[in-house]
């Protein structure tokens, strides 16, 4: 009897404190790879907006990149701010590289560029719901020193208003774009992370305790 209850207690505690699995918090549509792309190195910055439906923790993001044949991205500088082109409040920033950056080849487009999906992990940025944030990318690096471009998808097939964020499609800004008063089509990206916390609330512990007592009672009736 005591052994059964002990194992059930351990199992319930593990389930109660297990981390929430990462999910897509905002999706601005798939990688296009055929329309256009915008430079994110050589001093250029590209920014796109996103809005979250719930208070969340961003743990990473994906974006589409155009690269010269054979190039593989080794690092990229990112920031999440309250205004475009790194303006306003900075909620998180860093340089993704090494184990926090992967470059997955997808295809070669009609212009001869490699179209890749870049995945950045290792973020821990707490973001509130309903706020307009900007994801800024710059200082992308490849060993050859070639240009790197952020894929433009014009927000086509954006899922931001379908349970994965708001304000979809994104508003975009490139260095000098908004200030010049020209149209700034958005890029392909999504924000990944967890929605809500992982620490059980007091009420959860009450339910957990009640459940353990209930299971113990059932076992007692079955065993004795």
Protein backbone atom coordinates (compact mmCIF):
# COMPACT_ATOMS: atom_id res chain seq x y z
CA UNK A 1 0.00 0.00 0.00
CA UNK A 2 2.68 2.52 1.03
CA UNK A 3 4.81 1.64 -2.01
CA UNK A 4 1.90 2.26 -4.41
CA UNK A 5 1.08 5.64 -2.86
CA UNK A 6 4.73 6.68 -2.88
CA UNK A 7 5.11 5.95 -6.60
CA UNK A 8 1.84 7.75 -7.40
CA UNK A 9 3.00 10.76 -5.41
CA UNK A 10 6.28 10.95 -7.31
CA UNK A 11 4.49 10.59 -10.66
CA UNK A 12 1.99 13.35 -9.86
CA UNK A 13 4.74 15.70 -8.66
CA UNK A 14 6.67 15.17 -11.90
CA UNK A 15 3.56 15.90 -13.98
CA UNK A 16 2.70 18.96 -11.90
CA UNK A 17 6.14 20.53 -12.31
CA UNK A 18 6.92 19.42 -15.87
CA UNK A 19 7.89 22.34 -18.13
CA UNK A 20 5.40 23.56 -20.73
CA UNK A 21 6.45 22.41 -24.20
CA UNK A 22 7.56 25.12 -26.61
CA UNK A 23 4.94 26.16 -29.14
CA UNK A 24 4.50 28.67 -31.95
CA UNK A 25 3.50 31.97 -30.33
CA UNK A 26 3.36 33.98 -33.56
CA UNK A 27 3.51 32.87 -37.20
CA UNK A 28 3.95 35.42 -39.99
CA UNK A 29 3.64 32.85 -42.74
CA UNK A 30 5.91 30.36 -44.52
CA UNK A 31 9.22 30.98 -46.22
CA UNK A 32 8.60 32.24 -49.75
CA UNK A 33 12.03 32.22 -51.34
CA UNK A 34 10.94 33.65 -54.70
CA UNK A 35 9.72 37.24 -54.20
CA UNK A 36 12.49 39.31 -52.59
CA UNK A 37 14.77 39.50 -49.54
CA UNK A 38 16.49 42.20 -47.54
CA UNK A 39 20.07 42.53 -46.31
CA UNK A 40 20.74 41.80 -42.64
CA UNK A 41 24.49 42.47 -42.60
CA UNK A 42 26.92 45.20 -43.69
CA UNK A 43 25.24 47.61 -41.25
CA UNK A 44 21.67 47.00 -42.42
CA UNK A 45 18.88 46.14 -39.96
CA UNK A 46 15.51 44.59 -40.79
CA UNK A 47 12.60 44.67 -38.32
CA UNK A 48 9.17 43.03 -38.19
CA UNK A 49 6.31 43.39 -35.72
CA UNK A 50 4.50 40.69 -33.77
CA UNK A 51 1.81 40.61 -31.07
CA UNK A 52 1.22 37.74 -28.62
CA UNK A 53 -2.22 36.59 -27.47
CA UNK A 54 -1.02 35.64 -23.97
CA UNK A 55 1.74 36.59 -21.56
CA UNK A 56 4.56 34.36 -22.79
CA UNK A 57 8.25 33.56 -22.71
CA UNK A 58 9.96 33.62 -26.10
CA UNK A 59 12.57 30.85 -26.30
CA UNK A 60 13.51 31.15 -29.96
CA UNK A 61 12.46 32.01 -33.50
CA UNK A 62 12.76 30.84 -37.12
CA UNK A 63 13.22 32.93 -40.24
CA UNK A 64 13.85 32.42 -43.93
CA UNK A 65 17.22 33.44 -45.40
CA UNK A 66 18.62 33.87 -48.89
CA UNK A 67 22.32 32.96 -49.08
CA UNK A 68 24.90 32.55 -51.80
CA UNK A 69 25.35 28.91 -52.88
CA UNK A 70 27.16 26.87 -50.22
CA UNK A 71 27.05 29.58 -47.53
CA UNK A 72 25.99 28.56 -44.03
CA UNK A 73 25.01 31.16 -41.45
CA UNK A 74 27.32 31.10 -38.41
CA UNK A 75 25.88 33.96 -36.36
CA UNK A 76 23.22 36.66 -36.35
CA UNK A 77 22.50 39.48 -33.94
CA UNK A 78 18.89 39.78 -32.77
CA UNK A 79 16.85 41.98 -30.48
CA UNK A 80 13.22 42.33 -29.43
CA UNK A 81 12.23 45.93 -28.85
CA UNK A 82 9.20 48.19 -28.56
CA UNK A 83 10.09 50.16 -31.70
CA UNK A 84 11.61 49.33 -35.06
CA UNK A 85 15.31 49.43 -35.91
CA UNK A 86 16.36 48.71 -32.31
CA UNK A 87 14.44 51.70 -30.90
CA UNK A 88 12.57 52.09 -27.61
CA UNK A 89 12.69 49.52 -24.82
CA UNK A 90 14.90 46.47 -25.36
CA UNK A 91 13.21 43.33 -23.97
CA UNK A 92 15.92 40.96 -25.07
CA UNK A 93 18.98 40.87 -27.32
CA UNK A 94 21.95 38.73 -28.18
CA UNK A 95 24.03 37.05 -30.86
CA UNK A 96 22.93 33.57 -31.87
CA UNK A 97 25.73 31.17 -32.81
CA UNK A 98 27.02 27.66 -32.15
CA UNK A 99 24.45 25.30 -30.64
CA UNK A 100 21.86 28.11 -30.54
CA UNK A 101 21.82 28.49 -34.33
CA UNK A 102 20.98 26.01 -37.07
CA UNK A 103 20.87 26.58 -40.82
CA UNK A 104 18.69 24.15 -42.80
CA UNK A 105 18.89 24.19 -46.60
CA UNK A 106 15.46 24.10 -48.29
CA UNK A 107 15.96 24.77 -51.99
CA UNK A 108 17.63 26.92 -54.64
CA UNK A 109 15.46 29.66 -56.12
CA UNK A 110 15.21 31.00 -59.66
CA UNK A 111 17.89 33.61 -58.93
CA UNK A 112 20.46 31.01 -57.87
CA UNK A 113 20.29 31.73 -54.13
CA UNK A 114 20.09 29.02 -51.50
CA UNK A 115 16.87 29.33 -49.49
CA UNK A 116 17.47 28.25 -45.90
CA UNK A 117 15.49 28.11 -42.68
CA UNK A 118 17.40 29.61 -39.76
CA UNK A 119 16.44 28.43 -36.28
CA UNK A 120 17.55 30.42 -33.24
CA UNK A 121 17.17 28.97 -29.73
CA UNK A 122 18.34 29.81 -26.23
CA UNK A 123 16.18 32.91 -25.69
CA UNK A 124 14.47 33.64 -22.38
CA UNK A 125 12.46 36.80 -23.04
CA UNK A 126 9.27 37.48 -21.06
CA UNK A 127 6.69 39.29 -23.19
CA UNK A 128 3.23 40.61 -22.36
CA UNK A 129 0.12 40.01 -24.42
CA UNK A 130 -1.30 42.73 -26.65
CA UNK A 131 1.94 44.71 -26.99
CA UNK A 132 3.44 45.40 -30.41
CA UNK A 133 7.01 44.09 -30.41
CA UNK A 134 9.67 44.29 -33.10
CA UNK A 135 12.06 41.47 -33.99
CA UNK A 136 15.26 43.06 -35.32
CA UNK A 137 17.98 41.16 -37.22
CA UNK A 138 21.43 42.45 -38.17
CA UNK A 139 25.15 41.58 -38.41
CA UNK A 140 24.53 38.15 -39.96
CA UNK A 141 27.78 36.30 -40.65
CA UNK A 142 28.85 33.59 -43.09
CA UNK A 143 32.49 32.42 -43.42
CA UNK A 144 32.74 33.76 -46.98
CA UNK A 145 31.73 37.25 -45.94
CA UNK A 146 28.88 37.27 -48.48
CA UNK A 147 25.62 39.17 -48.00
CA UNK A 148 22.77 37.45 -46.14
CA UNK A 149 19.14 38.36 -46.79
CA UNK A 150 15.93 37.93 -44.76
CA UNK A 151 13.25 36.37 -46.95
CA UNK A 152 10.23 38.55 -47.77
CA UNK A 153 6.89 36.74 -47.90
CA UNK A 154 4.51 39.75 -47.75
CA UNK A 155 2.64 38.10 -44.85
CA UNK A 156 1.06 35.58 -47.23
CA UNK A 157 -0.70 32.73 -45.39
CA UNK A 158 0.07 34.45 -42.11
CA UNK A 159 -1.41 32.56 -39.13
CA UNK A 160 -0.98 35.30 -36.57
CA UNK A 161 -4.72 35.82 -36.17
CA UNK A 162 -5.48 32.10 -36.03
CA UNK A 163 -4.51 31.33 -32.45
CA UNK A 164 -0.82 32.14 -32.97
CA UNK A 165 -0.44 35.82 -32.20
CA UNK A 166 -2.10 39.01 -33.41
CA UNK A 167 -1.49 41.96 -35.71
CA UNK A 168 -0.95 39.69 -38.67
CA UNK A 169 0.56 40.20 -41.17
CA UNK A 170 3.54 41.92 -39.61
CA UNK A 171 4.49 45.51 -40.24
CA UNK A 172 8.08 45.67 -41.46
CA UNK A 173 10.87 48.23 -41.45
CA UNK A 174 14.27 48.18 -43.10
CA UNK A 175 16.97 50.74 -42.52
CA UNK A 176 15.35 53.95 -43.77
CA UNK A 177 12.18 52.31 -45.09
CA UNK A 178 9.50 53.75 -42.79
CA UNK A 179 11.26 57.11 -42.53
CA UNK A 180 11.23 57.32 -46.34
CA UNK A 181 7.47 56.74 -46.35
CA UNK A 182 7.59 53.71 -48.65
CA UNK A 183 5.74 50.39 -48.41
CA UNK A 184 7.62 47.86 -46.29
CA UNK A 185 6.38 44.29 -46.95
CA UNK A 186 7.00 41.86 -44.06
CA UNK A 187 9.38 38.92 -43.85
CA UNK A 188 8.95 35.22 -43.08
CA UNK A 189 9.40 34.32 -39.41
CA UNK A 190 7.78 32.82 -36.36
CA UNK A 191 8.28 33.26 -32.63
CA UNK A 192 8.49 30.14 -30.46
CA UNK A 193 8.17 29.75 -26.71
CA UNK A 194 5.85 28.95 -23.84
CA UNK A 195 2.56 30.57 -22.97
CA UNK A 196 2.08 30.95 -19.20
CA UNK A 197 4.30 29.73 -16.35
CA UNK A 198 5.48 26.32 -15.22
CA UNK A 199 5.02 26.76 -11.45
CA UNK A 200 1.79 25.23 -10.13
CA UNK A 201 -0.60 27.66 -8.46
CA UNK A 202 -1.70 27.05 -4.85
CA UNK A 203 -5.06 25.78 -6.09
CA UNK A 204 -3.19 23.21 -8.19
CA UNK A 205 -1.49 21.86 -5.09
CA UNK A 206 -4.88 21.56 -3.35
CA UNK A 207 -6.24 19.56 -6.28
CA UNK A 208 -3.06 17.51 -6.37
CA UNK A 209 -3.37 16.68 -2.66
CA UNK A 210 -7.03 15.77 -3.03
CA UNK A 211 -6.17 13.51 -5.93
CA UNK A 212 -3.48 11.69 -3.98
CA UNK A 213 -5.84 11.11 -1.04
CA UNK A 214 -8.54 9.88 -3.42
CA UNK A 215 -6.22 7.44 -5.14
CA UNK A 216 -4.93 6.23 -1.80
CA UNK A 217 -8.51 5.56 -0.70
CA UNK A 218 -9.24 3.57 -3.84
CA UNK A 219 -6.10 1.53 -3.40
CA UNK A 220 -6.94 0.88 0.25
CA UNK A 221 -10.41 -0.39 -0.70
CA UNK A 222 -8.89 -2.63 -3.37
CA UNK A 223 -6.07 -3.97 -1.24
CA UNK A 224 -7.90 -4.51 2.04
